[in-house]
PDB file of N, CA and C in Angstrom:
ATOM      1  N   MET A   1     -25.899  36.519  46.119  1.00  0.00           N
ATOM      2  CA  MET A   1     -24.516  36.819  45.117  1.00  0.00           C
ATOM      3  C   MET A   1     -23.816  36.446  45.121  1.00  0.00           C
ATOM      4  N   LYS A   2     -22.240  36.492  46.274  1.00  0.00           N
ATOM      5  CA  LYS A   2     -21.173  35.594  46.064  1.00  0.00           C
ATOM      6  C   LYS A   2     -21.178  34.068  45.573  1.00  0.00           C
ATOM      7  N   LYS A   3     -22.545  33.533  45.727  1.00  0.00           N
ATOM      8  CA  LYS A   3     -22.799  31.689  45.972  1.00  0.00           C
ATOM      9  C   LYS A   3     -23.397  31.748  44.542  1.00  0.00           C
ATOM     10  N   ASN A   4     -23.415  32.933  43.864  1.00  0.00           N
ATOM     11  CA  ASN A   4     -23.831  33.050  42.291  1.00  0.00           C
ATOM     12  C   ASN A   4     -22.998  33.473  41.278  1.00  0.00           C
ATOM     13  N   LYS A   5     -21.806  33.921  41.776  1.00  0.00           N
ATOM     14  CA  LYS A   5     -20.438  34.216  40.712  1.00  0.00           C
ATOM     15  C   LYS A   5     -19.507  33.019  41.823  1.00  0.00           C
ATOM     16  N   LYS A   6     -19.753  32.167  42.316  1.00  0.00           N
ATOM     17  CA  LYS A   6     -19.098  31.179  42.848  1.00  0.00           C
ATOM     18  C   LYS A   6     -19.426  29.519  41.847  1.00  0.00           C
ATOM     19  N   THR A   7     -20.995  29.663  42.200  1.00  0.00           N
ATOM     20  CA  THR A   7     -21.774  28.669  40.805  1.00  0.00           C
ATOM     21  C   THR A   7     -21.451  29.054  39.678  1.00  0.00           C
ATOM     22  N   TYR A   8     -21.325  29.904  39.040  1.00  0.00           N
ATOM     23  CA  TYR A   8     -20.792  30.623  37.820  1.00  0.00           C
ATOM     24  C   TYR A   8     -19.412  29.913  37.557  1.00  0.00           C
ATOM     25  N   LYS A   9     -18.461  30.607  38.055  1.00  0.00           N
ATOM     26  CA  LYS A   9     -16.842  29.999  38.136  1.00  0.00           C
ATOM     27  C   LYS A   9     -17.031  28.510  37.415  1.00  0.00           C
ATOM     28  N   LYS A  10     -17.675  27.804  38.759  1.00  0.00           N
ATOM     29  CA  LYS A  10     -17.718  26.504  38.760  1.00  0.00           C
ATOM     30  C   LYS A  10     -17.899  25.477  37.266  1.00  0.00           C
ATOM     31  N   LEU A  11     -18.579  26.680  37.286  1.00  0.00           N
ATOM     32  CA  LEU A  11     -20.042  25.818  34.839  1.00  0.00           C
ATOM     33  C   LEU A  11     -18.245  26.079  34.344  1.00  0.00           C
ATOM     34  N   LEU A  12     -17.882  27.200  35.224  1.00  0.00           N
ATOM     35  CA  LEU A  12     -17.716  27.733  33.767  1.00  0.00           C
ATOM     36  C   LEU A  12     -15.986  27.025  33.444  1.00  0.00           C
ATOM     37  N   ILE A  13     -15.329  27.142  34.230  1.00  0.00           N
ATOM     38  CA  ILE A  13     -14.066  25.044  35.096  1.00  0.00           C
ATOM     39  C   ILE A  13     -14.523  24.420  34.333  1.00  0.00           C
ATOM     40  N   LEU A  14     -15.848  23.898  34.474  1.00  0.00           N
ATOM     41  CA  LEU A  14     -16.442  22.479  34.325  1.00  0.00           C
ATOM     42  C   LEU A  14     -16.418  22.529  32.368  1.00  0.00           C
ATOM     43  N   GLY A  15     -17.596  23.264  32.801  1.00  0.00           N
ATOM     44  CA  GLY A  15     -17.515  23.560  30.837  1.00  0.00           C
ATOM     45  C   GLY A  15     -15.471  23.728  29.888  1.00  0.00           C
ATOM     46  N   ILE A  16     -14.614  25.014  30.152  1.00  0.00           N
ATOM     47  CA  ILE A  16     -13.173  24.409  30.412  1.00  0.00           C
ATOM     48  C   ILE A  16     -12.997  23.090  30.333  1.00  0.00           C
ATOM     49  N   ALA A  17     -13.295  22.347  30.977  1.00  0.00           N
ATOM     50  CA  ALA A  17     -13.168  21.476  31.832  1.00  0.00           C
ATOM     51  C   ALA A  17     -13.519  19.923  30.186  1.00  0.00           C
ATOM     52  N   ILE A  18     -14.714  20.152  29.713  1.00  0.00           N
ATOM     53  CA  ILE A  18     -15.518  19.488  29.051  1.00  0.00           C
ATOM     54  C   ILE A  18     -14.473  18.793  27.411  1.00  0.00           C
ATOM     55  N   TYR A  19     -14.886  20.742  27.241  1.00  0.00           N
ATOM     56  CA  TYR A  19     -13.920  21.089  26.360  1.00  0.00           C
ATOM     57  C   TYR A  19     -11.983  20.406  25.892  1.00  0.00           C
ATOM     58  N   VAL A  20     -11.184  20.280  27.266  1.00  0.00           N
ATOM     59  CA  VAL A  20     -10.152  20.287  27.058  1.00  0.00           C
ATOM     60  C   VAL A  20     -10.257  18.786  26.402  1.00  0.00           C
ATOM     61  N   ILE A  21     -10.978  17.862  27.016  1.00  0.00           N
ATOM     62  CA  ILE A  21     -10.952  16.534  26.999  1.00  0.00           C
ATOM     63  C   ILE A  21     -11.427  16.570  25.937  1.00  0.00           C
ATOM     64  N   PHE A  22     -12.667  16.498  25.421  1.00  0.00           N
ATOM     65  CA  PHE A  22     -13.550  16.622  24.122  1.00  0.00           C
ATOM     66  C   PHE A  22     -12.313  16.667  22.864  1.00  0.00           C
ATOM     67  N   THR A  23     -11.143  17.729  23.280  1.00  0.00           N
ATOM     68  CA  THR A  23     -10.102  18.141  22.467  1.00  0.00           C
ATOM     69  C   THR A  23     -10.135  16.829  22.047  1.00  0.00           C
ATOM     70  N   LEU A  24      -9.769  17.089  23.946  1.00  0.00           N
ATOM     71  CA  LEU A  24      -8.423  15.763  23.577  1.00  0.00           C
ATOM     72  C   LEU A  24      -8.417  14.671  22.738  1.00  0.00           C
ATOM     73  N   VAL A  25      -9.592  13.555  22.645  1.00  0.00           N
ATOM     74  CA  VAL A  25     -10.125  12.560  22.637  1.00  0.00           C
ATOM     75  C   VAL A  25     -10.075  12.527  21.092  1.00  0.00           C
ATOM     76  N   ASN A  26      -9.928  13.767  20.362  1.00  0.00           N
ATOM     77  CA  ASN A  26     -10.293  14.027  19.315  1.00  0.00           C
ATOM     78  C   ASN A  26      -8.994  13.795  17.998  1.00  0.00           C
ATOM     79  N   GLN A  27      -8.360  15.091  19.183  1.00  0.00           N
ATOM     80  CA  GLN A  27      -7.298  14.927  18.562  1.00  0.00           C
ATOM     81  C   GLN A  27      -6.561  13.736  18.238  1.00  0.00           C
ATOM     82  N   GLN A  28      -6.407  12.487  19.692  1.00  0.00           N
ATOM     83  CA  GLN A  28      -5.581  11.450  19.853  1.00  0.00           C
ATOM     84  C   GLN A  28      -6.224  10.462  18.989  1.00  0.00           C
ATOM     85  N   LYS A  29      -7.118  10.447  18.342  1.00  0.00           N
ATOM     86  CA  LYS A  29      -8.417   9.845  16.937  1.00  0.00           C
ATOM     87  C   LYS A  29      -7.430  10.097  15.448  1.00  0.00           C
ATOM     88  N   THR A  30      -7.305  10.738  15.602  1.00  0.00           N
ATOM     89  CA  THR A  30      -6.434  12.106  14.364  1.00  0.00           C
ATOM     90  C   THR A  30      -5.938  11.198  14.213  1.00  0.00           C
ATOM     91  N   LEU A  31      -4.807  11.284  15.329  1.00  0.00           N
ATOM     92  CA  LEU A  31      -3.543  10.638  15.788  1.00  0.00           C
ATOM     93  C   LEU A  31      -3.493   9.485  15.469  1.00  0.00           C
ATOM     94  N   ASN A  32      -4.103   9.255  15.635  1.00  0.00           N
ATOM     95  CA  ASN A  32      -4.044   7.082  15.848  1.00  0.00           C
ATOM     96  C   ASN A  32      -4.568   6.724  14.012  1.00  0.00           C
ATOM     97  N   GLN A  33      -5.880   7.482  12.987  1.00  0.00           N
ATOM     98  CA  GLN A  33      -6.134   7.599  12.154  1.00  0.00           C
ATOM     99  C   GLN A  33      -4.621   7.657  10.611  1.00  0.00           C
ATOM    100  N   TYR A  34      -4.102   9.229  11.704  1.00  0.00           N
ATOM    101  CA  TYR A  34      -2.892   9.029  10.959  1.00  0.00           C
ATOM    102  C   TYR A  34      -1.617   8.087  11.136  1.00  0.00           C
ATOM    103  N   ASN A  35      -1.443   7.273  11.979  1.00  0.00           N
ATOM    104  CA  ASN A  35      -0.292   6.427  12.233  1.00  0.00           C
ATOM    105  C   ASN A  35      -0.616   4.747  10.885  1.00  0.00           C
ATOM    106  N   GLN A  36      -2.489   4.673  11.376  1.00  0.00           N
ATOM    107  CA  GLN A  36      -2.259   3.815  10.490  1.00  0.00           C
ATOM    108  C   GLN A  36      -2.673   3.805   9.221  1.00  0.00           C
ATOM    109  N   ASP A  37      -3.091   5.968   8.522  1.00  0.00           N
ATOM    110  CA  ASP A  37      -2.587   5.581   7.356  1.00  0.00           C
ATOM    111  C   ASP A  37      -0.864   5.665   6.665  1.00  0.00           C
ATOM    112  N   THR A  38       0.282   5.841   8.087  1.00  0.00           N
ATOM    113  CA  THR A  38       1.064   5.648   7.423  1.00  0.00           C
ATOM    114  C   THR A  38       2.650   4.304   7.223  1.00  0.00           C
ATOM    115  N   ILE A  39       1.498   2.668   7.897  1.00  0.00           N
ATOM    116  CA  ILE A  39       1.940   2.083   7.830  1.00  0.00           C
ATOM    117  C   ILE A  39       1.518   1.946   6.326  1.00  0.00           C
ATOM    118  N   GLU A  40       0.216   1.430   6.906  1.00  0.00           N
ATOM    119  CA  GLU A  40      -0.620   0.920   4.946  1.00  0.00           C
ATOM    120  C   GLU A  40       0.199   2.010   3.770  1.00  0.00           C
ATOM    121  N   LEU A  41       0.688   3.415   3.919  1.00  0.00           N
ATOM    122  CA  LEU A  41       1.527   3.853   3.317  1.00  0.00           C
ATOM    123  C   LEU A  41       3.171   3.254   3.651  1.00  0.00           C
ATOM    124  N   ALA A  42       3.558   3.276   3.544  1.00  0.00           N
ATOM    125  CA  ALA A  42       4.840   1.793   3.901  1.00  0.00           C
ATOM    126  C   ALA A  42       4.734   0.698   2.764  1.00  0.00           C
ATOM    127  N   SER A  43       3.893   0.622   3.334  1.00  0.00           N
ATOM    128  CA  SER A  43       3.243  -1.625   3.118  1.00  0.00           C
ATOM    129  C   SER A  43       3.657  -0.760   1.360  1.00  0.00           C
ATOM    130  N   GLN A  44       2.293  -0.245   1.052  1.00  0.00           N
ATOM    131  CA  GLN A  44       2.461   0.012  -0.381  1.00  0.00           C
ATOM    132  C   GLN A  44       3.830   0.630  -0.866  1.00  0.00           C
ATOM    133  N   ILE A  45       4.830   0.803  -0.507  1.00  0.00           N
ATOM    134  CA  ILE A  45       6.355   1.482  -0.955  1.00  0.00           C
ATOM    135  C   ILE A  45       6.740   0.764  -0.578  1.00  0.00           C
ATOM    136  N   LYS A  46       6.374   0.166  -0.082  1.00  0.00           N
ATOM    137  CA  LYS A  46       8.088  -1.455  -0.253  1.00  0.00           C
ATOM    138  C   LYS A  46       6.741  -3.016  -1.688  1.00  0.00           C
ATOM    139  N   GLU A  47       6.460  -2.778  -1.655  1.00  0.00           N
ATOM    140  CA  GLU A  47       5.367  -2.997  -2.757  1.00  0.00           C
ATOM    141  C   GLU A  47       5.893  -2.704  -3.765  1.00  0.00           C
ATOM    142  N   ALA A  48       5.483  -1.250  -4.102  1.00  0.00           N
ATOM    143  CA  ALA A  48       6.177  -0.878  -4.768  1.00  0.00           C
ATOM    144  C   ALA A  48       7.180  -1.045  -5.554  1.00  0.00           C
ATOM    145  N   LYS A  49       8.490  -1.149  -4.521  1.00  0.00           N
ATOM    146  CA  LYS A  49      10.286  -0.813  -4.420  1.00  0.00           C
ATOM    147  C   LYS A  49       9.781  -3.074  -5.446  1.00  0.00           C
ATOM    148  N   GLU A  50       9.141  -3.336  -4.625  1.00  0.00           N
ATOM    149  CA  GLU A  50       8.976  -4.970  -4.552  1.00  0.00           C
ATOM    150  C   GLU A  50       8.699  -5.270  -6.551  1.00  0.00           C
ATOM    151  N   ASN A  51       7.977  -4.460  -7.238  1.00  0.00           N
ATOM    152  CA  ASN A  51       7.964  -5.101  -8.006  1.00  0.00           C
ATOM    153  C   ASN A  51       8.483  -3.978  -9.258  1.00  0.00           C
ATOM    154  N   LYS A  52       9.193  -2.780  -8.894  1.00  0.00           N
ATOM    155  CA  LYS A  52      10.058  -1.635  -9.744  1.00  0.00           C
ATOM    156  C   LYS A  52      11.185  -2.453 -10.328  1.00  0.00           C
ATOM    157  N   GLU A  53      11.501  -3.525  -9.093  1.00  0.00           N
ATOM    158  CA  GLU A  53      12.958  -4.345  -9.091  1.00  0.00           C
ATOM    159  C   GLU A  53      12.865  -6.026  -9.848  1.00  0.00           C
ATOM    160  N   GLU A  54      11.285  -6.287 -10.442  1.00  0.00           N
ATOM    161  CA  GLU A  54      11.173  -7.123 -11.096  1.00  0.00           C
ATOM    162  C   GLU A  54      10.714  -6.848 -11.979  1.00  0.00           C
ATOM    163  N   LEU A  55      10.413  -5.476 -12.401  1.00  0.00           N
ATOM    164  CA  LEU A  55      10.262  -5.297 -14.551  1.00  0.00           C
ATOM    165  C   LEU A  55      10.962  -4.602 -14.251  1.00  0.00           C
ATOM    166  N   THR A  56      12.019  -4.017 -13.338  1.00  0.00           N
ATOM    167  CA  THR A  56      13.463  -3.939 -14.230  1.00  0.00           C
ATOM    168  C   THR A  56      14.129  -5.362 -14.686  1.00  0.00           C
ATOM    169  N   GLN A  57      13.699  -6.908 -13.520  1.00  0.00           N
ATOM    170  CA  GLN A  57      14.394  -7.577 -13.926  1.00  0.00           C
ATOM    171  C   GLN A  57      14.143  -7.591 -15.298  1.00  0.00           C
ATOM    172  N   ASN A  58      12.418  -8.121 -15.229  1.00  0.00           N
ATOM    173  CA  ASN A  58      12.232  -8.743 -17.232  1.00  0.00           C
ATOM    174  C   ASN A  58      12.539  -7.686 -18.147  1.00  0.00           C
ATOM    175  N   LYS A  59      12.962  -6.517 -17.828  1.00  0.00           N
ATOM    176  CA  LYS A  59      13.712  -5.525 -18.717  1.00  0.00           C
ATOM    177  C   LYS A  59      14.388  -5.759 -18.665  1.00  0.00           C
ATOM    178  N   GLU A  60      15.489  -6.378 -18.166  1.00  0.00           N
ATOM    179  CA  GLU A  60      17.423  -6.965 -18.746  1.00  0.00           C
ATOM    180  C   GLU A  60      16.683  -8.297 -19.620  1.00  0.00           C
ATOM    181  N   ASP A  61      15.618  -9.389 -18.602  1.00  0.00           N
ATOM    182  CA  ASP A  61      15.914 -10.681 -18.954  1.00  0.00           C
ATOM    183  C   ASP A  61      14.672 -10.276 -21.044  1.00  0.00           C
ATOM    184  N   VAL A  62      14.371  -9.814 -21.168  1.00  0.00           N
ATOM    185  CA  VAL A  62      13.308  -8.999 -22.740  1.00  0.00           C
ATOM    186  C   VAL A  62      14.834  -9.126 -23.764  1.00  0.00           C
ATOM    187  N   THR A  63      15.713  -8.147 -23.692  1.00  0.00           N
ATOM    188  CA  THR A  63      16.433  -8.512 -24.460  1.00  0.00           C
ATOM    189  C   THR A  63      17.238  -9.452 -24.526  1.00  0.00           C
ATOM    190  N   SER A  64      17.619 -10.550 -23.792  1.00  0.00           N
ATOM    191  CA  SER A  64      18.309 -12.097 -23.944  1.00  0.00           C
ATOM    192  C   SER A  64      18.184 -12.738 -25.266  1.00  0.00           C
ATOM    193  N   ARG A  65      19.168 -12.970 -25.878  1.00  0.00           N
ATOM    194  CA  ARG A  65      18.380 -14.252 -26.549  1.00  0.00           C
ATOM    195  C   ARG A  65      18.173 -15.334 -26.125  1.00  0.00           C
ATOM    196  N   ASP A  66      17.498 -16.477 -25.055  1.00  0.00           N
ATOM    197  CA  ASP A  66      17.254 -17.132 -24.257  1.00  0.00           C
ATOM    198  C   ASP A  66      15.651 -16.060 -24.695  1.00  0.00           C
ATOM    199  N   PHE A  67      15.068 -15.198 -23.962  1.00  0.00           N
ATOM    200  CA  PHE A  67      14.265 -14.625 -23.275  1.00  0.00           C
ATOM    201  C   PHE A  67      13.296 -14.763 -24.558  1.00  0.00           C
ATOM    202  N   ILE A  68      13.756 -14.110 -26.181  1.00  0.00           N
ATOM    203  CA  ILE A  68      12.743 -14.377 -27.463  1.00  0.00           C
ATOM    204  C   ILE A  68      12.961 -15.124 -27.680  1.00  0.00           C
ATOM    205  N   GLU A  69      13.715 -16.014 -27.674  1.00  0.00           N
ATOM    206  CA  GLU A  69      14.273 -17.897 -27.717  1.00  0.00           C
ATOM    207  C   GLU A  69      12.078 -18.042 -27.567  1.00  0.00           C
ATOM    208  N   GLN A  70      11.827 -18.150 -26.622  1.00  0.00           N
ATOM    209  CA  GLN A  70      11.300 -19.042 -25.486  1.00  0.00           C
ATOM    210  C   GLN A  70       9.639 -18.158 -25.900  1.00  0.00           C
ATOM    211  N   THR A  71       9.741 -16.759 -26.262  1.00  0.00           N
ATOM    212  CA  THR A  71       8.534 -16.609 -26.820  1.00  0.00           C
ATOM    213  C   THR A  71       8.122 -16.668 -28.047  1.00  0.00           C
ATOM    214  N   ALA A  72       8.741 -16.453 -29.110  1.00  0.00           N
ATOM    215  CA  ALA A  72       9.006 -17.567 -30.003  1.00  0.00           C
ATOM    216  C   ALA A  72       8.143 -18.831 -29.959  1.00  0.00           C
ATOM    217  N   ARG A  73       8.210 -19.787 -29.039  1.00  0.00           N
ATOM    218  CA  ARG A  73       8.055 -21.068 -29.696  1.00  0.00           C
ATOM    219  C   ARG A  73       7.090 -20.747 -28.940  1.00  0.00           C
ATOM    220  N   GLU A  74       6.506 -20.291 -27.545  1.00  0.00           N
ATOM    221  CA  GLU A  74       5.850 -20.346 -27.272  1.00  0.00           C
ATOM    222  C   GLU A  74       4.004 -19.014 -27.713  1.00  0.00           C
ATOM    223  N   LYS A  75       4.311 -19.046 -27.983  1.00  0.00           N
ATOM    224  CA  LYS A  75       3.431 -17.353 -28.477  1.00  0.00           C
ATOM    225  C   LYS A  75       3.555 -17.416 -29.788  1.00  0.00           C
ATOM    226  N   LEU A  76       4.035 -17.271 -30.481  1.00  0.00           N
ATOM    227  CA  LEU A  76       4.096 -17.265 -31.779  1.00  0.00           C
ATOM    228  C   LEU A  76       4.532 -18.591 -32.474  1.00  0.00           C
ATOM    229  N   ASP A  77       4.831 -19.879 -31.870  1.00  0.00           N
ATOM    230  CA  ASP A  77       4.969 -21.149 -32.802  1.00  0.00           C
ATOM    231  C   ASP A  77       6.057 -21.368 -33.668  1.00  0.00           C
ATOM    232  N   MET A  78       7.082 -20.317 -33.515  1.00  0.00           N
ATOM    233  CA  MET A  78       7.741 -20.552 -34.506  1.00  0.00           C
ATOM    234  C   MET A  78       8.998 -21.516 -33.989  1.00  0.00           C
ATOM    235  N   TYR A  79       9.856 -21.907 -34.976  1.00  0.00           N
ATOM    236  CA  TYR A  79      10.772 -23.057 -34.735  1.00  0.00           C
ATOM    237  C   TYR A  79      12.063 -22.443 -35.740  1.00  0.00           C
ATOM    238  N   TYR A  80      12.543 -23.288 -35.243  1.00  0.00           N
ATOM    239  CA  TYR A  80      14.169 -22.967 -36.416  1.00  0.00           C
ATOM    240  C   TYR A  80      13.509 -24.162 -37.027  1.00  0.00           C
ATOM    241  N   PRO A  81      14.451 -24.123 -38.476  1.00  0.00           N
ATOM    242  CA  PRO A  81      14.579 -24.684 -39.193  1.00  0.00           C
ATOM    243  C   PRO A  81      14.739 -26.199 -39.639  1.00  0.00           C
ATOM    244  N   ASN A  82      14.509 -27.380 -39.592  1.00  0.00           N
ATOM    245  CA  ASN A  82      13.917 -29.112 -39.732  1.00  0.00           C
ATOM    246  C   ASN A  82      14.259 -28.685 -38.341  1.00  0.00           C
ATOM    247  N   GLU A  83      13.545 -28.355 -37.065  1.00  0.00           N
ATOM    248  CA  GLU A  83      13.323 -28.407 -36.118  1.00  0.00           C
ATOM    249  C   GLU A  83      12.399 -29.678 -35.556  1.00  0.00           C
ATOM    250  N   ARG A  84      12.400 -30.099 -34.613  1.00  0.00           N
ATOM    251  CA  ARG A  84      11.471 -31.531 -35.035  1.00  0.00           C
ATOM    252  C   ARG A  84      10.780 -31.323 -33.615  1.00  0.00           C
ATOM    253  N   VAL A  85       8.689 -30.874 -33.744  1.00  0.00           N
ATOM    254  CA  VAL A  85       8.486 -30.186 -31.887  1.00  0.00           C
ATOM    255  C   VAL A  85       7.313 -31.304 -32.869  1.00  0.00           C
ATOM    256  N   TYR A  86       7.455 -32.306 -31.233  1.00  0.00           N
ATOM    257  CA  TYR A  86       6.054 -33.564 -30.933  1.00  0.00           C
ATOM    258  C   TYR A  86       5.054 -33.194 -29.886  1.00  0.00           C
ATOM    259  N   VAL A  87       3.547 -32.707 -29.745  1.00  0.00           N
ATOM    260  CA  VAL A  87       2.796 -32.642 -29.840  1.00  0.00           C
ATOM    261  C   VAL A  87       2.228 -33.760 -28.768  1.00  0.00           C
ATOM    262  N   ASP A  88       1.672 -33.247 -27.754  1.00  0.00           N
ATOM    263  CA  ASP A  88       0.709 -34.249 -27.398  1.00  0.00           C
ATOM    264  C   ASP A  88      -0.510 -34.245 -27.214  1.00  0.00           C
ATOM    265  N   ILE A  89      -1.533 -34.933 -28.074  1.00  0.00           N
ATOM    266  CA  ILE A  89      -2.169 -35.047 -27.660  1.00  0.00           C
ATOM    267  C   ILE A  89      -3.430 -36.216 -27.229  1.00  0.00           C
ATOM    268  N   GLY A  90      -2.831 -36.410 -25.480  1.00  0.00           N
ATOM    269  CA  GLY A  90      -3.252 -38.171 -25.035  1.00  0.00           C
ATOM    270  C   GLY A  90      -3.924 -37.600 -24.253  1.00  0.00           C
ATOM    271  N   MET A  91      -4.468 -35.863 -24.007  1.00  0.00           N
ATOM    272  CA  MET A  91      -4.442 -35.536 -22.688  1.00  0.00           C
ATOM    273  C   MET A  91      -6.294 -36.466 -22.803  1.00  0.00           C
TER     274      MET A  91
END
């Protein structure tokens, strides 16, 4: 009878140990995934900030006279009166 109780205690301790190890391994995997997600999100934040700075610069440039003139020339084919425009067709 005593031997039977010792066997049950050993099996219980072994079961608890296996459960604890399994839980710790799963938690470590979860933590590693969270760390990876944090790194990826930090990278996305950095890219978004750079994009925001670029858009802010473009917003300031849009109101400048030079930008308006360049856009009118390139996209709308508008030129000043009496201005000569040369087109290279020798390609």
